Structure formats: structure tokens, C-alpha cells
Amino acid sequence: MPAYANISFQLPNVPYDEKLACCLAIMRKQHSELLPLRRSVKSLNLQHDKLKREIQEWRQKYQKTQEELKKVKRENEKLKEEIEKLTKTNKRYQVSLFDHGNFKNPNDKNKKEKGGQLGHPDTNRESYDDYASYPRKRLFAKTCGRCHRFLSRATSTRQKILLDILISPQIVKLILDSERQWCGKCKMEVNARDARTLPFTEYGVNTFMMTMILRFKSHASFSNIATVITISHGLKLSKSDVSNLLKQAKSYLKSAYERLIDAVRKGNVMYNDETGWLVNGEKAWMWIMANDKATVYFAAESRGKGIAEELYGNSQARSMHDGLSSYQNTIPKDKQCYCWAHFLRFIHEETVFQKEGSEAILFKDELVTIYHIKSNNPLYSLEKLKSVLRKRLNIVLKVKSKNQSILAIQQRLKTQKEGLINSLLYTKDGTNNLAERELRPMVINKKISNGSNTFNGMETTAILGSIVQTVGKKEENIISKLKLYIYKGVKEKYHQYAHTVFYDSS
């Protein structure tokens, strides 16, 4: 039993009835207060549960807000990086387009004179045209066009040069009867072929050449090519006719295309680059390998190192490129040349926000000066130039700095140093501009035609574009050279076109 069970409570001497009445009153009071208390407790519990739920909701909202805030901060940092990158790029474009800041020697304060520049090709027709060989015609009028009065002849003249083209909407329409002769030695039939004809088509060589020139030199669409040939030459063509002409020309010129690949591989320097292409809306790539004498476009589905390996083949040429990893992982290290234009643009972007006279700007100016060592010292031997470049670049790499722009530049220079030296030793200007200039026609072609409908169409564009771009390096010879390429390809593939042809005068 509990310890307090034996405790007796001493109550005051109160009558039993009063005690009972008091207890009953207390019980009634407690009973009357019990229901409101229960209601209050229940209400308070409901409020308590509601507040707990609200607290939980607010806690979840707070966590969600915190996560969103972190996400916004990350996006804000990303946007800052993008803005900085775009600002650098826009600033680089502005300077490269108007001030030539990427390549301008910091020590060269002289402005370039207007007009033709020293070393540039002379494009002035008057300097090389022989006007004495032009035929002359003397013109006069018999009557005045206003009053119709008779005019006497004069001894003085006013000379004017006339240069115009001939528009002859007349096509050659001819049925050729080729004798079915027999060679007793070869034991084969001999069919003489007209020099203008080509295998398995009624269209002549001039039609093929004009179609290719309009397509790859004038960047005309199939529709525009058909329109021009119809108006200027009188030969009515459709877009499908133009497409078939180009497809057939591909078969004639495939062997010439392969010879161009070999010619570039056997050269001293191979300029490489690539640009995006579309095949029926899907991504593809148009690669280029070029030198001063030949240009080769190559259709590919990717930008991977396997394509670079296929293009380079067993070549021993030095490859000038922009630093794409596909070239870095494929071409031997001692054969790589890195483009100074891309390197200097990278430097300029890294230092575009630096103040004039700062450590980073002086660092940039030093590298620009190193780039100009070759042009400023044309009498340097190859070994001397190599020694000077390596010494100056090693000094730049040893510079101690905490500037992030300088550290980024040094990191790239450390990787590309030997290739940058090679590019100045073995190329004319140390840049990949030749590849970019030769690739530009294909970029224009892509923008006009929106790519190709099929991969075979892309290959046709690459093969024919290579031939036209190569023969068009000297535009005055483009017709004769293009015709020679076509004839040679036809005779290699179709031996019946190798016979010397004579025409019956009867």
C-alpha cells in the first residue's frame, strides 16, 4: 500500500450535510466546466495540428526557395561568364575588323596607305591590257538626230573603250553519225566521238562546264543555273537536269579528285580546317585540305580524329590547323603547325578587359611582337629564326604572375609552343588563313542551298567544288583547265573516247 494510505486528514469540524453539499457543488462545477475545457482542448489541438502543417509547408517552401536561389545564383554565374565571353568576342571582332588589334605590332604606329599594298596582286586591268591589239571602228553620223540636217565628215575623233560580252541564245543542234569501225590488232570496235560529246548524255562539255562554274564560282542555285543557261545560251534546262549534270560530272572527275588529294599530301604544308554542313537537315561536316596549288573538300559525317587520319594518310607534309583535338591526336607532333591567328585572338579575348599598360597587356604585346619577328627580320636564316623564337617564347613561359589571363595564356602556349614555332618557320604568314579563304566558297554555298538532300549529293559538291576551286586559282585559265580535267577523266574511264576524230567532208 502507498505510504500515504495511513495518513489521516484532519478536517475541520463541519457538519456532514455541509460537507456533502460542498462536494456536490464542486463536482457540479467541475462537470459544468469539463465540456468547455474539452472543447477548448480539442480546438487547441486542431489549431496546433494546423500550425504544425503550416510550419511544415513553410519549411518546404523555404527549402524550395533556397534551392531556387542556389539555382538562380548558378545561372547568374553562368550568364556572367556568357556575357563576359560575348563581350570579349564582340570586342575582339571590333578591334580585328577596324583596328587590326590582334596582329598589329605594338611598335608600329604608322597608318596603312590607301590603295594597293606592297606585295598584293595587281588587279588594275589598265596595267596589263594591250590596247594596241584591240580592233578599231570609226563611227560617224550622216544627219543630226534632232533637226535631221546633213552632217559633213570630221578629222578629229573621241576615243572610247568598249568591253562587252556576246549573248548568243543559239544552241548547237547536231546529229553525229559515228562509223562503226574495227581494229584488227585490238580486235575491238572503234567508234569515233566528237570532242564536245560526253558519255551517256546528249549535253556537251560546254554545258557541263558552265553548270559547274555557275554552281561553284557564282554559288547559283539549280533554278538560277537553269534560268541563266536558258536566257543567255538558249538551252532550256530544268532543276533536275542541272542536278543530273552535276551528278554525271562527278563520275568524270572522280579520278582527278583523287589526284588532287595525292598532290596535297605530297606538298610541304597541308592547310586543314572544317565547317558544318547539313544533309537533309542532319548535321555533317565539310573538311578541307589545301595548299597554294590545290584545294580538296571532303564530305564526312563527323568531326572525329578518324576523318583527320584518313585525310592526312601517309603524308609527310606539315599540317597547319587551328588546334582541333582531331588533328592533335592524329598528326605526328613534329608535323603540326598551330595557327597564330587563333592564338592571338585567344590572347586578345583573355586580355580585353585589362587596362592599358597593365601586366597582362604588356604580356600580350610581347607575344604580338614575337609573331612579327619573322616579318621584321626577313634575312634571318631558318636556324636563326628558330633559335630566336624558342628563346623568346621560353622567356614568356617563365614569367611568374598571379593574373588569371596570363596563366591561361601560358597554359595554352605551353601546349602549342613547338607548333607555333613550326608555323612561322615553314609557312608564309604563320596562319591558317589560306584554308579559311578556300573554305569560304563552301560556306556561302551551304548558306544558299541549305546543305544537301543526300550524302551522295554532299560528296558530289565536295568533288566538283574541289576541281572548280583548284582550276579557278587563276581565273583566266579556268575554262581551258576545266575542259582538260573533264576530257582526261572521260578518256581514263571510257577508252572509246581516246580515238583521234576526223570529220567526213562529203
Foldseek 3Di string as FASTA:
>chain_A
DDPCPPPDDDDPPDDPVVVVVVVVVVVVVCVVVVVVVVVVVVVVVVVVVVVVVVVVVVVVVVVVVVVVVVVVVVVVVVVVVVVLLVVLVVLLCVCCVPVVVLQDQPVDPDDDDDDDDPPDDDPDPVVPDDCVPDDDDDDDDQADPPPRHGDDDDDDDDDDDDDDDDQEQDDDDDDDDWDFDADPVVRDTFTEDDLQDFPPDPHGPVLLLQLLCCCQVVVDQLCVSQVCCCRRHVDHDDSVRSVVSLLVLCLLQVVVLVVLLVVLLADQEWQKDKDWFAAQNDIWIWIWTDDLQFIFIDTGRDPALVVVQVSNPPGPHQYEYQPPVSCVVHPDPLRYAHFSSNLSSLLSSLCVPPDPPDPSVVLSSLVSVLLCPCVVCVPDDLVRNLVVSVVSLVVLLPDDDPDPSSVVSSVVCVVCVSNQSVLSSPHDRSHSVVRVVLCVSVVSSCVVVVHHNHSSSVRSCRRSSRLQSNLCSPVVCRVVSVSVSSLVSRCVVPVSNVDDDDDDPD
